C-alpha atoms as a PDB file:
ATOM      1  CA  MET A   1     127.792 -63.078 103.352  1.00  0.00           C
ATOM      2  CA  ARG A   2     126.925 -59.994 105.452  1.00  0.00           C
ATOM      3  CA  ARG A   3     129.464 -61.272 107.829  1.00  0.00           C
ATOM      4  CA  LEU A   4     132.323 -60.858 105.006  1.00  0.00           C
ATOM      5  CA  ILE A   5     131.207 -57.520 103.933  1.00  0.00           C
ATOM      6  CA  ARG A   6     131.442 -56.098 107.563  1.00  0.00           C
ATOM      7  CA  PHE A   7     134.823 -58.219 107.427  1.00  0.00           C
ATOM      8  CA  LEU A   8     136.263 -56.920 104.355  1.00  0.00           C
ATOM      9  CA  THR A   9     134.938 -52.979 105.193  1.00  0.00           C
ATOM     10  CA  ALA A  10     136.579 -53.303 108.516  1.00  0.00           C
ATOM     11  CA  ILE A  11     139.721 -54.054 107.157  1.00  0.00           C
ATOM     12  CA  ILE A  12     139.908 -51.554 104.818  1.00  0.00           C
ATOM     13  CA  CYS A  13     138.287 -48.587 107.220  1.00  0.00           C
ATOM     14  CA  LEU A  14     141.027 -49.983 109.954  1.00  0.00           C
ATOM     15  CA  PRO A  15     143.889 -48.496 107.647  1.00  0.00           C
ATOM     16  CA  LEU A  16     142.214 -45.266 106.943  1.00  0.00           C
ATOM     17  CA  ILE A  17     141.168 -45.150 110.661  1.00  0.00           C
ATOM     18  CA  TYR A  18     145.155 -45.317 111.513  1.00  0.00           C
ATOM     19  CA  PHE A  19     146.434 -42.434 109.495  1.00  0.00           C
ATOM     20  CA  GLY A  20     143.378 -40.058 110.002  1.00  0.00           C
ATOM     21  CA  ALA A  21     144.290 -41.002 113.227  1.00  0.00           C
ATOM     22  CA  ALA A  22     148.087 -40.027 112.617  1.00  0.00           C
ATOM     23  CA  LEU A  23     147.745 -36.874 111.183  1.00  0.00           C
ATOM     24  CA  GLY A  24     145.191 -35.684 114.014  1.00  0.00           C
ATOM     25  CA  GLY A  25     147.534 -36.623 116.166  1.00  0.00           C
ATOM     26  CA  ALA A  26     150.670 -34.489 114.107  1.00  0.00           C
ATOM     27  CA  ALA A  27     148.043 -30.889 114.162  1.00  0.00           C
ATOM     28  CA  ILE A  28     147.769 -31.290 118.396  1.00  0.00           C
ATOM     29  CA  PRO A  29     150.130 -29.940 120.275  1.00  0.00           C
ATOM     30  CA  GLY A  30     152.416 -32.961 122.697  1.00  0.00           C
ATOM     31  CA  GLU A  31     153.648 -31.575 125.799  1.00  0.00           C
ATOM     32  CA  ARG A  32     157.531 -30.430 125.443  1.00  0.00           C
ATOM     33  CA  ALA A  33     160.407 -29.724 127.467  1.00  0.00           C
ATOM     34  CA  ASP A  34     160.231 -25.722 128.147  1.00  0.00           C
ATOM     35  CA  LEU A  35     163.427 -24.469 127.000  1.00  0.00           C
ATOM     36  CA  PRO A  36     164.720 -21.236 125.278  1.00  0.00           C
ATOM     37  CA  ALA A  37     164.572 -21.300 121.782  1.00  0.00           C
ATOM     38  CA  GLY A  38     167.734 -20.064 120.108  1.00  0.00           C
ATOM     39  CA  THR A  39     169.804 -20.416 116.595  1.00  0.00           C
ATOM     40  CA  GLU A  40     172.983 -21.439 117.518  1.00  0.00           C
ATOM     41  CA  TYR A  41     173.002 -25.213 116.300  1.00  0.00           C
ATOM     42  CA  LEU A  42     171.737 -26.312 112.918  1.00  0.00           C
ATOM     43  CA  ILE A  43     169.970 -29.933 113.136  1.00  0.00           C
ATOM     44  CA  GLY A  44     168.409 -32.115 109.719  1.00  0.00           C
ATOM     45  CA  LEU A  45     165.469 -34.504 109.519  1.00  0.00           C
ATOM     46  CA  VAL A  46     166.022 -36.355 106.928  1.00  0.00           C
ATOM     47  CA  HIS A  47     163.036 -38.287 105.183  1.00  0.00           C
ATOM     48  CA  GLY A  48     163.434 -41.973 103.473  1.00  0.00           C
ATOM     49  CA  PRO A  49     160.831 -43.870 102.068  1.00  0.00           C
ATOM     50  CA  LEU A  50     159.818 -44.779 105.776  1.00  0.00           C
ATOM     51  CA  HIS A  51     160.377 -42.596 108.204  1.00  0.00           C
ATOM     52  CA  PHE A  52     162.471 -39.481 109.054  1.00  0.00           C
ATOM     53  CA  ASP A  53     166.437 -39.895 110.856  1.00  0.00           C
ATOM     54  CA  LEU A  54     167.904 -36.484 112.657  1.00  0.00           C
ATOM     55  CA  MET A  55     171.064 -35.342 111.512  1.00  0.00           C
ATOM     56  CA  LEU A  56     173.544 -33.922 113.968  1.00  0.00           C
ATOM     57  CA  PRO A  57     176.642 -31.484 113.100  1.00  0.00           C
ATOM     58  CA  LEU A  58     179.286 -33.463 113.399  1.00  0.00           C
ATOM     59  CA  SER A  59     180.738 -31.416 115.334  1.00  0.00           C
ATOM     60  CA  PRO A  60     184.597 -32.228 117.620  1.00  0.00           C
ATOM     61  CA  GLU A  61     182.494 -32.356 120.418  1.00  0.00           C
ATOM     62  CA  LEU A  62     180.142 -34.779 119.014  1.00  0.00           C
ATOM     63  CA  ARG A  63     182.682 -36.886 117.615  1.00  0.00           C
ATOM     64  CA  ALA A  64     184.252 -37.003 120.740  1.00  0.00           C
ATOM     65  CA  ARG A  65     180.468 -38.273 122.347  1.00  0.00           C
ATOM     66  CA  TYR A  66     179.667 -40.778 119.459  1.00  0.00           C
ATOM     67  CA  GLY A  67     183.931 -42.127 119.308  1.00  0.00           C
ATOM     68  CA  PHE A  68     182.628 -45.633 120.857  1.00  0.00           C
ATOM     69  CA  ALA A  69     180.546 -46.244 117.478  1.00  0.00           C
ATOM     70  CA  THR A  70     184.186 -45.825 115.702  1.00  0.00           C
ATOM     71  CA  ALA A  71     184.609 -49.556 116.963  1.00  0.00           C
ATOM     72  CA  ALA A  72     181.347 -50.568 115.055  1.00  0.00           C
ATOM     73  CA  GLY A  73     182.433 -49.528 111.343  1.00  0.00           C
ATOM     74  CA  VAL A  74     180.783 -45.659 112.159  1.00  0.00           C
ATOM     75  CA  PRO A  75     183.778 -43.334 110.957  1.00  0.00           C
ATOM     76  CA  VAL A  76     182.350 -40.336 113.525  1.00  0.00           C
ATOM     77  CA  ALA A  77     186.250 -39.423 112.756  1.00  0.00           C
ATOM     78  CA  ASN A  78     186.557 -38.880 109.234  1.00  0.00           C
ATOM     79  CA  PRO A  79     187.363 -35.525 108.246  1.00  0.00           C
ATOM     80  CA  GLN A  80     184.810 -35.878 105.638  1.00  0.00           C
ATOM     81  CA  ALA A  81     181.696 -36.890 107.824  1.00  0.00           C
ATOM     82  CA  GLU A  82     179.977 -33.751 108.202  1.00  0.00           C
ATOM     83  CA  TRP A  83     176.624 -35.046 109.681  1.00  0.00           C
ATOM     84  CA  LEU A  84     175.505 -37.910 111.858  1.00  0.00           C
ATOM     85  CA  LEU A  85     172.310 -39.833 111.268  1.00  0.00           C
ATOM     86  CA  VAL A  86     170.304 -41.318 114.250  1.00  0.00           C
ATOM     87  CA  GLY A  87     167.601 -44.027 113.317  1.00  0.00           C
ATOM     88  CA  TRP A  88     165.555 -45.231 115.921  1.00  0.00           C
ATOM     89  CA  GLY A  89     163.459 -48.432 114.610  1.00  0.00           C
ATOM     90  CA  ALA A  90     162.425 -52.131 114.956  1.00  0.00           C
ATOM     91  CA  ALA A  91     165.608 -54.611 115.584  1.00  0.00           C
ATOM     92  CA  ALA A  92     164.015 -57.278 112.841  1.00  0.00           C
ATOM     93  CA  PHE A  93     163.060 -54.643 109.751  1.00  0.00           C
ATOM     94  CA  TYR A  94     165.814 -52.203 110.577  1.00  0.00           C
ATOM     95  CA  THR A  95     168.535 -54.684 111.147  1.00  0.00           C
ATOM     96  CA  SER A  96     167.243 -56.602 107.396  1.00  0.00           C
ATOM     97  CA  THR A  97     166.145 -53.923 104.870  1.00  0.00           C
ATOM     98  CA  ALA A  98     168.284 -51.709 103.719  1.00  0.00           C
ATOM     99  CA  ARG A  99     166.410 -50.491 100.357  1.00  0.00           C
ATOM    100  CA  LEU A 100     162.568 -50.921 100.483  1.00  0.00           C
ATOM    101  CA  ALA A 101     163.551 -53.486  97.879  1.00  0.00           C
ATOM    102  CA  ASP A 102     164.462 -55.784 100.349  1.00  0.00           C
ATOM    103  CA  MET A 103     161.608 -55.828 102.454  1.00  0.00           C
ATOM    104  CA  THR A 104     159.844 -59.179 103.367  1.00  0.00           C
ATOM    105  CA  LEU A 105     157.044 -60.153 105.219  1.00  0.00           C
ATOM    106  CA  SER A 106     158.615 -61.354 107.887  1.00  0.00           C
ATOM    107  CA  PRO A 107     160.002 -58.787 109.548  1.00  0.00           C
ATOM    108  CA  VAL A 108     157.346 -56.202 108.733  1.00  0.00           C
ATOM    109  CA  MET A 109     154.595 -58.120 111.104  1.00  0.00           C
ATOM    110  CA  ARG A 110     156.889 -58.894 113.587  1.00  0.00           C
ATOM    111  CA  GLY A 111     157.653 -54.846 114.243  1.00  0.00           C
ATOM    112  CA  LEU A 112     153.808 -54.517 113.829  1.00  0.00           C
ATOM    113  CA  ILE A 113     152.975 -56.797 116.101  1.00  0.00           C
ATOM    114  CA  GLY A 114     156.036 -55.826 118.678  1.00  0.00           C
ATOM    115  CA  ASP A 115     159.352 -55.955 118.460  1.00  0.00           C
ATOM    116  CA  SER A 116     162.430 -54.611 120.452  1.00  0.00           C
ATOM    117  CA  ALA A 117     164.215 -51.907 119.214  1.00  0.00           C
ATOM    118  CA  VAL A 118     167.458 -50.579 117.912  1.00  0.00           C
ATOM    119  CA  LEU A 119     169.365 -47.372 117.210  1.00  0.00           C
ATOM    120  CA  HIS A 120     170.925 -46.835 113.400  1.00  0.00           C
ATOM    121  CA  LEU A 121     174.203 -44.425 113.763  1.00  0.00           C
ATOM    122  CA  ASP A 122     175.309 -43.279 110.070  1.00  0.00           C
ATOM    123  CA  VAL A 123     177.620 -40.718 108.388  1.00  0.00           C
ATOM    124  CA  ALA A 124     177.017 -38.194 105.945  1.00  0.00           C
ATOM    125  CA  GLY A 125     179.588 -36.233 103.918  1.00  0.00           C
ATOM    126  CA  ASP A 126     178.088 -32.613 101.996  1.00  0.00           C
ATOM    127  CA  VAL A 127     173.992 -32.426 101.705  1.00  0.00           C
ATOM    128  CA  SER A 128     173.431 -29.366 100.322  1.00  0.00           C
ATOM    129  CA  ARG A 129     171.979 -31.096  97.038  1.00  0.00           C
ATOM    130  CA  VAL A 130     169.945 -33.762  98.851  1.00  0.00           C
ATOM    131  CA  PRO A 131     166.070 -33.328  98.617  1.00  0.00           C
ATOM    132  CA  ASP A 132     164.043 -33.864 101.418  1.00  0.00           C
ATOM    133  CA  ILE A 133     166.158 -32.298 104.155  1.00  0.00           C
ATOM    134  CA  GLN A 134     164.194 -30.562 106.662  1.00  0.00           C
ATOM    135  CA  TYR A 135     166.308 -28.481 108.787  1.00  0.00           C
ATOM    136  CA  LEU A 136     165.646 -26.489 112.612  1.00  0.00           C
ATOM    137  CA  THR A 137     167.504 -24.345 114.830  1.00  0.00           C
ATOM    138  CA  LEU A 138     168.383 -24.795 118.569  1.00  0.00           C
ATOM    139  CA  SER A 139     169.277 -23.359 121.513  1.00  0.00           C
ATOM    140  CA  ALA A 140     172.571 -24.672 123.446  1.00  0.00           C
ATOM    141  CA  ALA A 141     170.131 -25.590 126.020  1.00  0.00           C
ATOM    142  CA  GLN A 142     167.623 -27.347 123.505  1.00  0.00           C
ATOM    143  CA  TYR A 143     170.477 -29.231 121.895  1.00  0.00           C
ATOM    144  CA  GLU A 144     172.103 -31.052 125.174  1.00  0.00           C
ATOM    145  CA  ALA A 145     168.595 -31.578 125.383  1.00  0.00           C
ATOM    146  CA  LEU A 146     167.747 -33.163 122.345  1.00  0.00           C
ATOM    147  CA  LEU A 147     171.195 -34.900 122.410  1.00  0.00           C
ATOM    148  CA  ALA A 148     170.558 -36.248 126.603  1.00  0.00           C
ATOM    149  CA  ARG A 149     166.839 -37.680 124.810  1.00  0.00           C
ATOM    150  CA  VAL A 150     169.131 -39.202 122.011  1.00  0.00           C
ATOM    151  CA  ASP A 151     171.865 -40.925 124.820  1.00  0.00           C
ATOM    152  CA  ALA A 152     168.878 -42.034 127.020  1.00  0.00           C
ATOM    153  CA  SER A 153     167.742 -44.635 123.944  1.00  0.00           C
ATOM    154  CA  PHE A 154     170.835 -46.337 124.056  1.00  0.00           C
ATOM    155  CA  LEU A 155     170.894 -49.914 125.735  1.00  0.00           C
ATOM    156  CA  ARG A 156     174.322 -50.330 127.786  1.00  0.00           C
ATOM    157  CA  ASP A 157     176.720 -52.882 129.269  1.00  0.00           C
ATOM    158  CA  GLN A 158     178.167 -52.678 132.619  1.00  0.00           C
ATOM    159  CA  THR A 159     180.720 -50.454 131.549  1.00  0.00           C
ATOM    160  CA  GLY A 160     178.330 -47.759 130.490  1.00  0.00           C
ATOM    161  CA  MET A 161     179.004 -48.536 126.512  1.00  0.00           C
ATOM    162  CA  PRO A 162     176.509 -49.138 123.536  1.00  0.00           C
ATOM    163  CA  VAL A 163     175.829 -52.343 122.986  1.00  0.00           C
ATOM    164  CA  ALA A 164     176.787 -52.809 119.343  1.00  0.00           C
ATOM    165  CA  LEU A 165     174.658 -55.296 117.484  1.00  0.00           C
ATOM    166  CA  PRO A 166     175.410 -56.674 113.591  1.00  0.00           C
ATOM    167  CA  PRO A 167     174.808 -56.245 110.569  1.00  0.00           C
ATOM    168  CA  HIS A 168     176.432 -53.766 108.978  1.00  0.00           C
ATOM    169  CA  LEU A 169     173.398 -52.847 105.882  1.00  0.00           C
ATOM    170  CA  GLY A 170     176.200 -49.990 104.410  1.00  0.00           C
ATOM    171  CA  PRO A 171     179.926 -49.292 104.066  1.00  0.00           C
ATOM    172  CA  HIS A 172     179.456 -46.740 107.238  1.00  0.00           C
ATOM    173  CA  ASP A 173     176.842 -47.595 109.375  1.00  0.00           C
ATOM    174  CA  GLY A 174     176.019 -49.334 112.683  1.00  0.00           C
ATOM    175  CA  PHE A 175     173.329 -50.788 115.124  1.00  0.00           C
ATOM    176  CA  PHE A 176     172.949 -50.919 118.849  1.00  0.00           C
ATOM    177  CA  ALA A 177     170.765 -52.148 121.177  1.00  0.00           C
ATOM    178  CA  ALA A 178     168.150 -49.421 122.000  1.00  0.00           C
ATOM    179  CA  SER A 179     165.756 -48.906 124.906  1.00  0.00           C
ATOM    180  CA  GLY A 180     161.876 -49.539 124.120  1.00  0.00           C
ATOM    181  CA  ARG A 181     159.617 -51.454 121.601  1.00  0.00           C
ATOM    182  CA  PHE A 182     158.522 -51.157 118.502  1.00  0.00           C
ATOM    183  CA  ASP A 183     155.447 -51.714 117.174  1.00  0.00           C
ATOM    184  CA  LEU A 184     152.493 -49.948 115.281  1.00  0.00           C
ATOM    185  CA  PHE A 185     151.677 -47.647 117.533  1.00  0.00           C
ATOM    186  CA  HIS A 186     155.466 -46.706 118.572  1.00  0.00           C
ATOM    187  CA  THR A 187     157.416 -46.524 115.420  1.00  0.00           C
ATOM    188  CA  CYS A 188     160.414 -44.666 114.448  1.00  0.00           C
ATOM    189  CA  ASN A 189     158.682 -41.479 113.459  1.00  0.00           C
ATOM    190  CA  VAL A 190     157.268 -41.420 116.923  1.00  0.00           C
ATOM    191  CA  TRP A 191     160.916 -41.631 118.618  1.00  0.00           C
ATOM    192  CA  ILE A 192     161.388 -38.676 116.437  1.00  0.00           C
ATOM    193  CA  GLY A 193     158.731 -36.378 118.026  1.00  0.00           C
ATOM    194  CA  GLU A 194     159.478 -37.482 121.590  1.00  0.00           C
ATOM    195  CA  VAL A 195     163.215 -36.817 120.604  1.00  0.00           C
ATOM    196  CA  LEU A 196     162.351 -33.589 119.316  1.00  0.00           C
ATOM    197  CA  ARG A 197     159.545 -32.637 122.416  1.00  0.00           C
ATOM    198  CA  ALA A 198     162.362 -33.406 124.531  1.00  0.00           C
ATOM    199  CA  ALA A 199     164.533 -30.974 123.077  1.00  0.00           C
ATOM    200  CA  GLY A 200     161.656 -27.813 123.696  1.00  0.00           C
ATOM    201  CA  VAL A 201     160.521 -28.110 120.072  1.00  0.00           C
ATOM    202  CA  PRO A 202     156.637 -27.793 119.224  1.00  0.00           C
ATOM    203  CA  PHE A 203     155.468 -31.198 117.711  1.00  0.00           C
ATOM    204  CA  GLY A 204     152.447 -32.863 116.894  1.00  0.00           C
ATOM    205  CA  ILE A 205     151.290 -35.658 120.402  1.00  0.00           C
ATOM    206  CA  TRP A 206     151.701 -38.653 118.420  1.00  0.00           C
ATOM    207  CA  THR A 207     153.335 -39.090 114.785  1.00  0.00           C
ATOM    208  CA  PRO A 208     153.585 -42.783 113.417  1.00  0.00           C
ATOM    209  CA  THR A 209     154.154 -41.861 109.901  1.00  0.00           C
ATOM    210  CA  PRO A 210     155.987 -39.870 107.573  1.00  0.00           C
ATOM    211  CA  GLN A 211     153.220 -37.901 106.489  1.00  0.00           C
ATOM    212  CA  ALA A 212     152.301 -36.639 110.106  1.00  0.00           C
ATOM    213  CA  VAL A 213     156.231 -35.687 111.399  1.00  0.00           C
ATOM    214  CA  GLU A 214     156.179 -33.369 108.107  1.00  0.00           C
ATOM    215  CA  LEU A 215     152.328 -32.452 109.199  1.00  0.00           C
ATOM    216  CA  ALA A 216     153.948 -31.711 112.737  1.00  0.00           C
ATOM    217  CA  LEU A 217     156.909 -29.838 111.428  1.00  0.00           C
ATOM    218  CA  ARG A 218     154.758 -28.004 109.241  1.00  0.00           C
ATOM    219  CA  TRP A 219     151.850 -27.343 111.649  1.00  0.00           C
ATOM    220  CA  HIS A 220     153.971 -26.521 114.817  1.00  0.00           C
ATOM    221  CA  ALA A 221     158.147 -25.846 114.515  1.00  0.00           C
ATOM    222  CA  LEU A 222     159.089 -24.498 111.026  1.00  0.00           C
END
């Protein structure tokens, strides 16, 4: 009986320890690139149910930079598209779960244990009335560093092009093979922190949960 109680106590305590450590990681500043701050570029962070996505302004330069995504079904050249959404995550879970209602146990467990990674691209139009978006301003140097860090997350073929993957979960999104592996300690929210710190944005050292990203934003960046 005592062993059972200890086991159940451990099961209950582990999530508390994990989320507590995530909040601690959000509060501790991580190492970041030494780049001058500025206000030349506005980017967004979109809060989804489980993770944050980057939201990048679709300038002519960015449309050209991500022209490869058109063949994968992402209409980056559409004039009604004003923002490019970029997210990194677990392959099995990310490519099979458009909504929380679609969540099944198998991809979740695979992601927790360890899974290959994918990048998800999508577009958005006018987001002025969309809630749960945090905005940051970057200098030109910071923005270019952020784009370079995102570029480095794509796995590429022998020609240097990102590798498109099926399927599509929405009318204008696409998936691409990504570098790194997803697990419980290296999540999509941790990737967001890595990208922001690479751009010189003050941010927490470890932010595996959306709550940790929110805290790191409020504590360090906003």
